[in-house]
Amino acid sequence: MKDDAILREINDSISVKRKILEDAALVNSIRQVADECIAAYRQGNRVLLAGNGGSAADAQHIAAEFVSRYAFDRPGLASIAFTTDTSMLTAIGNDFGYDQIFRRQLEANGRQGDVFIGISTSGNSPNVLTALQCARELGIVAVGLTGQGGVKMQAFCDYCIQVPSMSTPRIQESHIMLGHIICGIVEGTLFDEQENR
């Protein structure tokens, strides 16, 4: 890769993040999702996540930030990524079909007041859409992270955060940034509250 190609990739990534920065409605949605996570944790609930491929890795990454730590040491926050148990995934996929791998886990592990974050760069992943629909049926806050083309996902979400890009790498880079922002707000709010009691 020539240097100009490297610079182009970096500039493309910065450009997408700048669009997010300048979109007040999108920034407000990020804050609202963080507030929903805070409300869930205050009630003893959890944040549940799922996605495919790179989005599966993002789901696991964000769950790890909640359970372990983000910016500072503090007690763990309950979070599960539905992408990590190969026995579970293959059993559900074999018995019920791949489209059900996240819905079935949500039915078993989710409860009213939880937050479910479904991640799909295209916004068209059937297993993520099915799980988002299930979340709403169960009284779980349904959050979608997608890209500019993820219009289909909106119908299944309480909050749908669309990264203003059609490029999968740019969308994925932004999704992990959004996950970090949400984790930081949640962690800072909950544990600052405890220190100031």
C-alpha atoms as a PDB file:
ATOM      1  CA  MET A   1       0.000   0.000   0.000  1.00  0.00           C
ATOM      2  CA  LYS A   2       1.464   3.333  -1.029  1.00  0.00           C
ATOM      3  CA  ASP A   3       1.544   6.230   1.409  1.00  0.00           C
ATOM      4  CA  ASP A   4      -1.220   8.074  -0.454  1.00  0.00           C
ATOM      5  CA  ALA A   5      -3.497   5.050  -0.025  1.00  0.00           C
ATOM      6  CA  ILE A   6      -2.746   5.032   3.710  1.00  0.00           C
ATOM      7  CA  LEU A   7      -3.538   8.731   3.978  1.00  0.00           C
ATOM      8  CA  ARG A   8      -6.761   8.242   2.004  1.00  0.00           C
ATOM      9  CA  GLU A   9      -7.921   5.501   4.412  1.00  0.00           C
ATOM     10  CA  ILE A  10      -7.191   7.698   7.440  1.00  0.00           C
ATOM     11  CA  ASN A  11      -8.912  10.698   5.881  1.00  0.00           C
ATOM     12  CA  ASP A  12     -11.958   8.610   4.978  1.00  0.00           C
ATOM     13  CA  SER A  13     -12.218   7.424   8.576  1.00  0.00           C
ATOM     14  CA  ILE A  14     -11.889  10.978   9.927  1.00  0.00           C
ATOM     15  CA  SER A  15     -14.510  12.213   7.453  1.00  0.00           C
ATOM     16  CA  VAL A  16     -17.121   9.749   8.706  1.00  0.00           C
ATOM     17  CA  LYS A  17     -16.431  10.632  12.331  1.00  0.00           C
ATOM     18  CA  ARG A  18     -16.665  14.332  11.478  1.00  0.00           C
ATOM     19  CA  LYS A  19     -20.127  13.716   9.984  1.00  0.00           C
ATOM     20  CA  ILE A  20     -21.170  12.026  13.234  1.00  0.00           C
ATOM     21  CA  LEU A  21     -19.751  14.937  15.226  1.00  0.00           C
ATOM     22  CA  GLU A  22     -21.778  17.442  13.181  1.00  0.00           C
ATOM     23  CA  ASP A  23     -25.087  15.516  13.366  1.00  0.00           C
ATOM     24  CA  ALA A  24     -26.866  16.766  16.500  1.00  0.00           C
ATOM     25  CA  ALA A  25     -29.687  14.216  16.207  1.00  0.00           C
ATOM     26  CA  LEU A  26     -27.234  11.339  15.943  1.00  0.00           C
ATOM     27  CA  VAL A  27     -25.215  12.621  18.919  1.00  0.00           C
ATOM     28  CA  ASN A  28     -28.467  12.895  20.894  1.00  0.00           C
ATOM     29  CA  SER A  29     -29.321   9.281  20.016  1.00  0.00           C
ATOM     30  CA  ILE A  30     -25.946   8.152  21.381  1.00  0.00           C
ATOM     31  CA  ARG A  31     -26.714   9.974  24.640  1.00  0.00           C
ATOM     32  CA  GLN A  32     -30.192   8.416  24.799  1.00  0.00           C
ATOM     33  CA  VAL A  33     -28.790   4.917  24.376  1.00  0.00           C
ATOM     34  CA  ALA A  34     -26.236   5.567  27.123  1.00  0.00           C
ATOM     35  CA  ASP A  35     -29.075   6.796  29.356  1.00  0.00           C
ATOM     36  CA  GLU A  36     -31.066   3.619  28.654  1.00  0.00           C
ATOM     37  CA  CYS A  37     -28.047   1.525  29.655  1.00  0.00           C
ATOM     38  CA  ILE A  38     -27.652   3.583  32.840  1.00  0.00           C
ATOM     39  CA  ALA A  39     -31.347   3.084  33.665  1.00  0.00           C
ATOM     40  CA  ALA A  40     -31.016  -0.660  33.073  1.00  0.00           C
ATOM     41  CA  TYR A  41     -28.002  -0.962  35.361  1.00  0.00           C
ATOM     42  CA  ARG A  42     -29.693   1.094  38.094  1.00  0.00           C
ATOM     43  CA  GLN A  43     -32.542  -1.441  38.065  1.00  0.00           C
ATOM     44  CA  GLY A  44     -30.206  -4.451  38.215  1.00  0.00           C
ATOM     45  CA  ASN A  45     -30.613  -5.281  34.527  1.00  0.00           C
ATOM     46  CA  ARG A  46     -28.074  -6.000  31.783  1.00  0.00           C
ATOM     47  CA  VAL A  47     -26.809  -4.947  28.377  1.00  0.00           C
ATOM     48  CA  LEU A  48     -26.963  -7.764  25.809  1.00  0.00           C
ATOM     49  CA  LEU A  49     -25.294  -7.616  22.396  1.00  0.00           C
ATOM     50  CA  ALA A  50     -25.073  -9.536  19.126  1.00  0.00           C
ATOM     51  CA  GLY A  51     -23.740  -9.246  15.589  1.00  0.00           C
ATOM     52  CA  ASN A  52     -22.073 -11.258  12.825  1.00  0.00           C
ATOM     53  CA  GLY A  53     -18.425 -11.321  11.724  1.00  0.00           C
ATOM     54  CA  GLY A  54     -16.714  -8.045  12.601  1.00  0.00           C
ATOM     55  CA  SER A  55     -19.910  -6.984  14.356  1.00  0.00           C
ATOM     56  CA  ALA A  56     -19.668 -10.123  16.517  1.00  0.00           C
ATOM     57  CA  ALA A  57     -16.193  -8.984  17.529  1.00  0.00           C
ATOM     58  CA  ASP A  58     -17.592  -5.524  18.309  1.00  0.00           C
ATOM     59  CA  ALA A  59     -20.376  -7.058  20.441  1.00  0.00           C
ATOM     60  CA  GLN A  60     -17.776  -9.016  22.421  1.00  0.00           C
ATOM     61  CA  HIS A  61     -15.507  -5.989  22.736  1.00  0.00           C
ATOM     62  CA  ILE A  62     -18.275  -3.760  24.116  1.00  0.00           C
ATOM     63  CA  ALA A  63     -19.505  -6.464  26.521  1.00  0.00           C
ATOM     64  CA  ALA A  64     -15.932  -6.839  27.794  1.00  0.00           C
ATOM     65  CA  GLU A  65     -15.692  -3.093  28.428  1.00  0.00           C
ATOM     66  CA  PHE A  66     -18.821  -3.254  30.601  1.00  0.00           C
ATOM     67  CA  VAL A  67     -17.846  -6.409  32.510  1.00  0.00           C
ATOM     68  CA  SER A  68     -14.134  -5.666  32.984  1.00  0.00           C
ATOM     69  CA  ARG A  69     -13.490  -1.920  32.798  1.00  0.00           C
ATOM     70  CA  TYR A  70     -13.399   0.925  30.331  1.00  0.00           C
ATOM     71  CA  ALA A  71     -11.482   3.928  31.692  1.00  0.00           C
ATOM     72  CA  PHE A  72     -10.960   3.033  35.340  1.00  0.00           C
ATOM     73  CA  ASP A  73     -11.233   0.187  37.839  1.00  0.00           C
ATOM     74  CA  ARG A  74     -14.702  -0.355  39.279  1.00  0.00           C
ATOM     75  CA  PRO A  75     -17.131  -3.245  39.890  1.00  0.00           C
ATOM     76  CA  GLY A  76     -18.211  -5.168  36.786  1.00  0.00           C
ATOM     77  CA  LEU A  77     -21.412  -4.326  34.923  1.00  0.00           C
ATOM     78  CA  ALA A  78     -23.505  -7.259  33.722  1.00  0.00           C
ATOM     79  CA  SER A  79     -23.250  -7.697  29.961  1.00  0.00           C
ATOM     80  CA  ILE A  80     -23.434 -10.683  27.597  1.00  0.00           C
ATOM     81  CA  ALA A  81     -22.426 -11.018  23.940  1.00  0.00           C
ATOM     82  CA  PHE A  82     -24.540 -13.740  22.282  1.00  0.00           C
ATOM     83  CA  THR A  83     -21.684 -14.558  19.898  1.00  0.00           C
ATOM     84  CA  THR A  84     -19.214 -16.414  22.116  1.00  0.00           C
ATOM     85  CA  ASP A  85     -20.652 -19.867  22.889  1.00  0.00           C
ATOM     86  CA  THR A  86     -20.032 -22.163  19.920  1.00  0.00           C
ATOM     87  CA  SER A  87     -22.114 -24.996  21.394  1.00  0.00           C
ATOM     88  CA  MET A  88     -25.064 -22.637  21.835  1.00  0.00           C
ATOM     89  CA  LEU A  89     -24.700 -21.113  18.386  1.00  0.00           C
ATOM     90  CA  THR A  90     -24.377 -24.432  16.585  1.00  0.00           C
ATOM     91  CA  ALA A  91     -27.177 -26.101  18.560  1.00  0.00           C
ATOM     92  CA  ILE A  92     -29.640 -23.297  17.846  1.00  0.00           C
ATOM     93  CA  GLY A  93     -28.456 -22.981  14.244  1.00  0.00           C
ATOM     94  CA  ASN A  94     -28.853 -26.728  13.705  1.00  0.00           C
ATOM     95  CA  ASP A  95     -32.192 -27.111  15.488  1.00  0.00           C
ATOM     96  CA  PHE A  96     -33.955 -23.860  14.639  1.00  0.00           C
ATOM     97  CA  GLY A  97     -31.951 -22.174  11.854  1.00  0.00           C
ATOM     98  CA  TYR A  98     -29.242 -19.529  11.763  1.00  0.00           C
ATOM     99  CA  ASP A  99     -31.805 -16.720  11.787  1.00  0.00           C
ATOM    100  CA  GLN A 100     -32.798 -17.761  15.333  1.00  0.00           C
ATOM    101  CA  ILE A 101     -29.359 -17.886  17.006  1.00  0.00           C
ATOM    102  CA  PHE A 102     -29.709 -14.533  18.751  1.00  0.00           C
ATOM    103  CA  ARG A 103     -33.497 -14.549  19.268  1.00  0.00           C
ATOM    104  CA  ARG A 104     -33.397 -17.864  21.112  1.00  0.00           C
ATOM    105  CA  GLN A 105     -30.660 -16.625  23.467  1.00  0.00           C
ATOM    106  CA  LEU A 106     -32.576 -13.407  24.060  1.00  0.00           C
ATOM    107  CA  GLU A 107     -35.716 -15.378  24.917  1.00  0.00           C
ATOM    108  CA  ALA A 108     -33.714 -17.454  27.409  1.00  0.00           C
ATOM    109  CA  ASN A 109     -31.531 -14.755  28.966  1.00  0.00           C
ATOM    110  CA  GLY A 110     -33.262 -11.423  28.403  1.00  0.00           C
ATOM    111  CA  ARG A 111     -35.789  -9.826  30.712  1.00  0.00           C
ATOM    112  CA  GLN A 112     -37.860  -6.676  30.728  1.00  0.00           C
ATOM    113  CA  GLY A 113     -35.698  -3.655  31.438  1.00  0.00           C
ATOM    114  CA  ASP A 114     -32.567  -5.042  29.754  1.00  0.00           C
ATOM    115  CA  VAL A 115     -30.990  -3.287  26.761  1.00  0.00           C
ATOM    116  CA  PHE A 116     -30.263  -5.309  23.607  1.00  0.00           C
ATOM    117  CA  ILE A 117     -27.799  -3.862  21.090  1.00  0.00           C
ATOM    118  CA  GLY A 118     -27.951  -5.507  17.676  1.00  0.00           C
ATOM    119  CA  ILE A 119     -25.041  -4.635  15.396  1.00  0.00           C
ATOM    120  CA  SER A 120     -25.258  -4.970  11.604  1.00  0.00           C
ATOM    121  CA  THR A 121     -23.276  -2.794   9.193  1.00  0.00           C
ATOM    122  CA  SER A 122     -25.846  -3.389   6.437  1.00  0.00           C
ATOM    123  CA  GLY A 123     -28.846  -3.277   8.753  1.00  0.00           C
ATOM    124  CA  ASN A 124     -30.195  -6.332   6.925  1.00  0.00           C
ATOM    125  CA  SER A 125     -28.842  -9.285   8.946  1.00  0.00           C
ATOM    126  CA  PRO A 126     -31.905 -11.530   9.479  1.00  0.00           C
ATOM    127  CA  ASN A 127     -30.683 -12.938  12.809  1.00  0.00           C
ATOM    128  CA  VAL A 128     -30.075  -9.446  14.210  1.00  0.00           C
ATOM    129  CA  LEU A 129     -33.427  -8.118  12.949  1.00  0.00           C
ATOM    130  CA  THR A 130     -35.236 -11.134  14.418  1.00  0.00           C
ATOM    131  CA  ALA A 131     -33.561 -10.542  17.786  1.00  0.00           C
ATOM    132  CA  LEU A 132     -34.423  -6.824  17.730  1.00  0.00           C
ATOM    133  CA  GLN A 133     -38.053  -7.675  17.029  1.00  0.00           C
ATOM    134  CA  CYS A 134     -37.989 -10.184  19.902  1.00  0.00           C
ATOM    135  CA  ALA A 135     -36.495  -7.575  22.241  1.00  0.00           C
ATOM    136  CA  ARG A 136     -39.428  -5.251  21.680  1.00  0.00           C
ATOM    137  CA  GLU A 137     -41.874  -8.112  22.251  1.00  0.00           C
ATOM    138  CA  LEU A 138     -40.199  -8.853  25.596  1.00  0.00           C
ATOM    139  CA  GLY A 139     -40.072  -5.238  26.822  1.00  0.00           C
ATOM    140  CA  ILE A 140     -36.323  -5.032  26.272  1.00  0.00           C
ATOM    141  CA  VAL A 141     -34.940  -1.761  24.891  1.00  0.00           C
ATOM    142  CA  ALA A 142     -33.985  -2.498  21.273  1.00  0.00           C
ATOM    143  CA  VAL A 143     -30.945  -0.622  19.955  1.00  0.00           C
ATOM    144  CA  GLY A 144     -29.579  -1.006  16.444  1.00  0.00           C
ATOM    145  CA  LEU A 145     -26.113   0.016  15.287  1.00  0.00           C
ATOM    146  CA  THR A 146     -25.875   0.121  11.514  1.00  0.00           C
ATOM    147  CA  GLY A 147     -24.728   2.173   8.545  1.00  0.00           C
ATOM    148  CA  GLN A 148     -26.329   4.626   6.169  1.00  0.00           C
ATOM    149  CA  GLY A 149     -28.080   1.847   4.258  1.00  0.00           C
ATOM    150  CA  GLY A 150     -29.616   0.239   7.339  1.00  0.00           C
ATOM    151  CA  VAL A 151     -33.122   1.581   6.787  1.00  0.00           C
ATOM    152  CA  LYS A 152     -34.776  -1.819   7.302  1.00  0.00           C
ATOM    153  CA  MET A 153     -33.448  -2.002  10.860  1.00  0.00           C
ATOM    154  CA  GLN A 154     -35.260   1.172  11.952  1.00  0.00           C
ATOM    155  CA  ALA A 155     -38.634  -0.600  12.074  1.00  0.00           C
ATOM    156  CA  PHE A 156     -37.337  -3.020  14.717  1.00  0.00           C
ATOM    157  CA  CYS A 157     -35.586  -0.530  17.032  1.00  0.00           C
ATOM    158  CA  ASP A 158     -36.396   1.864  19.815  1.00  0.00           C
ATOM    159  CA  TYR A 159     -33.122   3.575  18.870  1.00  0.00           C
ATOM    160  CA  CYS A 160     -31.335   3.110  15.565  1.00  0.00           C
ATOM    161  CA  ILE A 161     -27.910   4.721  15.247  1.00  0.00           C
ATOM    162  CA  GLN A 162     -26.914   4.905  11.585  1.00  0.00           C
ATOM    163  CA  VAL A 163     -23.291   5.715  10.855  1.00  0.00           C
ATOM    164  CA  PRO A 164     -23.278   8.068   7.827  1.00  0.00           C
ATOM    165  CA  SER A 165     -21.326   5.767   5.510  1.00  0.00           C
ATOM    166  CA  MET A 166     -21.881   2.866   3.118  1.00  0.00           C
ATOM    167  CA  SER A 167     -18.355   1.496   3.670  1.00  0.00           C
ATOM    168  CA  THR A 168     -18.237  -1.561   5.965  1.00  0.00           C
ATOM    169  CA  PRO A 169     -14.765  -0.742   7.387  1.00  0.00           C
ATOM    170  CA  ARG A 170     -15.752   2.872   8.116  1.00  0.00           C
ATOM    171  CA  ILE A 171     -19.008   1.758   9.743  1.00  0.00           C
ATOM    172  CA  GLN A 172     -17.218  -0.810  11.907  1.00  0.00           C
ATOM    173  CA  GLU A 173     -14.608   1.724  13.001  1.00  0.00           C
ATOM    174  CA  SER A 174     -17.388   4.067  14.040  1.00  0.00           C
ATOM    175  CA  HIS A 175     -19.368   1.342  15.818  1.00  0.00           C
ATOM    176  CA  ILE A 176     -16.511   0.585  18.181  1.00  0.00           C
ATOM    177  CA  MET A 177     -16.074   4.327  18.783  1.00  0.00           C
ATOM    178  CA  LEU A 178     -19.783   4.576  19.640  1.00  0.00           C
ATOM    179  CA  GLY A 179     -19.472   1.565  21.941  1.00  0.00           C
ATOM    180  CA  HIS A 180     -16.559   3.217  23.715  1.00  0.00           C
ATOM    181  CA  ILE A 181     -18.481   6.480  24.118  1.00  0.00           C
ATOM    182  CA  ILE A 182     -21.506   4.680  25.561  1.00  0.00           C
ATOM    183  CA  CYS A 183     -19.340   2.639  27.945  1.00  0.00           C
ATOM    184  CA  GLY A 184     -17.551   5.782  29.085  1.00  0.00           C
ATOM    185  CA  ILE A 185     -20.787   7.651  29.797  1.00  0.00           C
ATOM    186  CA  VAL A 186     -22.298   4.676  31.644  1.00  0.00           C
ATOM    187  CA  GLU A 187     -19.190   3.959  33.703  1.00  0.00           C
ATOM    188  CA  GLY A 188     -18.566   7.610  34.545  1.00  0.00           C
ATOM    189  CA  THR A 189     -22.178   8.263  35.541  1.00  0.00           C
ATOM    190  CA  LEU A 190     -22.791   5.161  37.643  1.00  0.00           C
ATOM    191  CA  PHE A 191     -19.552   5.167  39.556  1.00  0.00           C
ATOM    192  CA  ASP A 192     -19.298   8.917  39.989  1.00  0.00           C
ATOM    193  CA  GLU A 193     -22.768   8.675  41.598  1.00  0.00           C
ATOM    194  CA  GLN A 194     -21.562   6.039  44.045  1.00  0.00           C
ATOM    195  CA  GLU A 195     -18.508   8.083  45.021  1.00  0.00           C
ATOM    196  CA  ASN A 196     -20.654  11.165  45.687  1.00  0.00           C
ATOM    197  CA  ARG A 197     -23.250   9.469  47.929  1.00  0.00           C
END
